[in-house]
Amino acid sequence: MQDILDRDAKTSPNTEHREGPVARTIEQQTARLPSDTFLWAALGSIAASLVMMAMGQEKKANFIGHWAPTFLTLGLYNKLVKLHGSEGV
């Protein structure tokens, strides 16, 4: 098993395909945010959804509740960019 982990990657980042200036700018700005910002945003949307559901506004609760997976996915992307960079190097 260790032999598999010690092997070098068979692929390397393609230098011909680089991030554009818009993506690079967005990544630089979001990298300034702490990683738990996205987690708190997801928990906040879940809490807001529960409040809306308790108030009887089911459509709004459903709409707001769907934000949580988006925030968690953005947080995961943000963490990957912080760890590996946008170019994967």
Foldseek 3Di string as FASTA:
>chain_A
DVVVVPDDDPDDQDPVDDDDPVVVVVLVVLLPDPLCVLVVQLVVLQVVLVVCVVVVNNVVSVVSNVCNVVSVVVSVVSVCCVVQNPRND
